[in-house]
Amino acid sequence: MPEDEVVKCVEERDKSLAGHYFAYIGVVVHELSHYIACLITGVRVNESRLLLPPNKHHIFGYVSRAPPF
């Protein structure tokens, strides 16, 4: 399923306030897992944002890391 269709499906299905809270919690947990994986493997983290405001690019959070080697 293409990414645009997935986003539309989630947006249409998930209009409740509780659904948004669970999605935000999921994004934070997801990005924390990336951050922790970097710490465990010794990869330097340049920048991390666990949660971003809604935007047109559908980027909800990120962990920017240095190249591992």
C-alpha atoms as a PDB file:
ATOM      1  CA  MET A   1       0.000   0.000   0.000  1.00  0.00           C
ATOM      2  CA  PRO A   2       1.537   3.358  -1.001  1.00  0.00           C
ATOM      3  CA  GLU A   3       2.373   5.769   1.823  1.00  0.00           C
ATOM      4  CA  ASP A   4      -0.238   8.343   0.730  1.00  0.00           C
ATOM      5  CA  GLU A   5      -2.999   5.741   0.935  1.00  0.00           C
ATOM      6  CA  VAL A   6      -1.858   4.670   4.394  1.00  0.00           C
ATOM      7  CA  VAL A   7      -1.885   8.281   5.618  1.00  0.00           C
ATOM      8  CA  LYS A   8      -5.383   8.870   4.182  1.00  0.00           C
ATOM      9  CA  CYS A   9      -6.639   5.654   5.751  1.00  0.00           C
ATOM     10  CA  VAL A  10      -5.297   6.613   9.168  1.00  0.00           C
ATOM     11  CA  GLU A  11      -6.629  10.176   8.899  1.00  0.00           C
ATOM     12  CA  GLU A  12     -10.125   8.986   7.940  1.00  0.00           C
ATOM     13  CA  ARG A  13     -10.262   6.230  10.551  1.00  0.00           C
ATOM     14  CA  ASP A  14      -8.678   8.110  13.397  1.00  0.00           C
ATOM     15  CA  LYS A  15     -10.516  11.355  13.988  1.00  0.00           C
ATOM     16  CA  SER A  16     -11.162  10.843  17.684  1.00  0.00           C
ATOM     17  CA  LEU A  17      -9.203  12.759  20.300  1.00  0.00           C
ATOM     18  CA  ALA A  18      -8.202   9.542  22.075  1.00  0.00           C
ATOM     19  CA  GLY A  19      -6.873   8.166  18.798  1.00  0.00           C
ATOM     20  CA  HIS A  20      -4.632  11.192  18.377  1.00  0.00           C
ATOM     21  CA  TYR A  21      -3.246  10.801  21.892  1.00  0.00           C
ATOM     22  CA  PHE A  22      -2.397   7.157  21.228  1.00  0.00           C
ATOM     23  CA  ALA A  23      -0.759   8.091  17.928  1.00  0.00           C
ATOM     24  CA  TYR A  24       1.400  10.735  19.637  1.00  0.00           C
ATOM     25  CA  ILE A  25       2.434   8.250  22.317  1.00  0.00           C
ATOM     26  CA  GLY A  26       3.318   5.775  19.568  1.00  0.00           C
ATOM     27  CA  VAL A  27       5.489   8.324  17.768  1.00  0.00           C
ATOM     28  CA  VAL A  28       7.400   9.156  20.958  1.00  0.00           C
ATOM     29  CA  VAL A  29       7.972   5.466  21.741  1.00  0.00           C
ATOM     30  CA  HIS A  30       9.061   4.812  18.148  1.00  0.00           C
ATOM     31  CA  GLU A  31      11.585   7.661  18.076  1.00  0.00           C
ATOM     32  CA  LEU A  32      12.872   6.757  21.553  1.00  0.00           C
ATOM     33  CA  SER A  33      13.578   3.254  20.268  1.00  0.00           C
ATOM     34  CA  HIS A  34      15.774   4.732  17.518  1.00  0.00           C
ATOM     35  CA  TYR A  35      17.553   6.926  20.059  1.00  0.00           C
ATOM     36  CA  ILE A  36      18.159   4.040  22.449  1.00  0.00           C
ATOM     37  CA  ALA A  37      19.429   1.846  19.605  1.00  0.00           C
ATOM     38  CA  CYS A  38      21.978   4.555  18.774  1.00  0.00           C
ATOM     39  CA  LEU A  39      23.088   4.729  22.407  1.00  0.00           C
ATOM     40  CA  ILE A  40      23.452   0.948  22.655  1.00  0.00           C
ATOM     41  CA  THR A  41      25.445   0.656  19.427  1.00  0.00           C
ATOM     42  CA  GLY A  42      27.584   3.730  20.086  1.00  0.00           C
ATOM     43  CA  VAL A  43      26.300   5.741  17.122  1.00  0.00           C
ATOM     44  CA  ARG A  44      26.416   9.486  17.757  1.00  0.00           C
ATOM     45  CA  VAL A  45      23.055  11.260  17.662  1.00  0.00           C
ATOM     46  CA  ASN A  46      23.249  14.693  16.013  1.00  0.00           C
ATOM     47  CA  GLU A  47      19.710  15.799  16.788  1.00  0.00           C
ATOM     48  CA  SER A  48      16.432  14.277  17.867  1.00  0.00           C
ATOM     49  CA  ARG A  49      12.855  15.479  17.983  1.00  0.00           C
ATOM     50  CA  LEU A  50      10.509  13.053  19.618  1.00  0.00           C
ATOM     51  CA  LEU A  51       7.378  14.873  18.501  1.00  0.00           C
ATOM     52  CA  LEU A  52       6.742  17.559  15.897  1.00  0.00           C
ATOM     53  CA  PRO A  53       3.587  19.551  15.228  1.00  0.00           C
ATOM     54  CA  PRO A  54       1.453  18.239  12.360  1.00  0.00           C
ATOM     55  CA  ASN A  55       2.901  19.198   8.985  1.00  0.00           C
ATOM     56  CA  LYS A  56       2.261  18.582   5.301  1.00  0.00           C
ATOM     57  CA  HIS A  57       5.222  16.196   4.997  1.00  0.00           C
ATOM     58  CA  HIS A  58       3.779  13.741   7.555  1.00  0.00           C
ATOM     59  CA  ILE A  59       6.989  13.804   9.603  1.00  0.00           C
ATOM     60  CA  PHE A  60       6.024  13.317  13.229  1.00  0.00           C
ATOM     61  CA  GLY A  61       9.477  12.957  14.797  1.00  0.00           C
ATOM     62  CA  TYR A  62      13.035  12.013  13.928  1.00  0.00           C
ATOM     63  CA  VAL A  63      16.465  11.011  15.178  1.00  0.00           C
ATOM     64  CA  SER A  64      19.365  12.337  13.115  1.00  0.00           C
ATOM     65  CA  ARG A  65      22.530  10.323  13.533  1.00  0.00           C
ATOM     66  CA  ALA A  66      26.111  10.432  12.357  1.00  0.00           C
ATOM     67  CA  PRO A  67      27.246   7.731   9.909  1.00  0.00           C
ATOM     68  CA  PRO A  68      28.037   4.582  11.915  1.00  0.00           C
ATOM     69  CA  PHE A  69      31.517   4.102  10.457  1.00  0.00           C
END
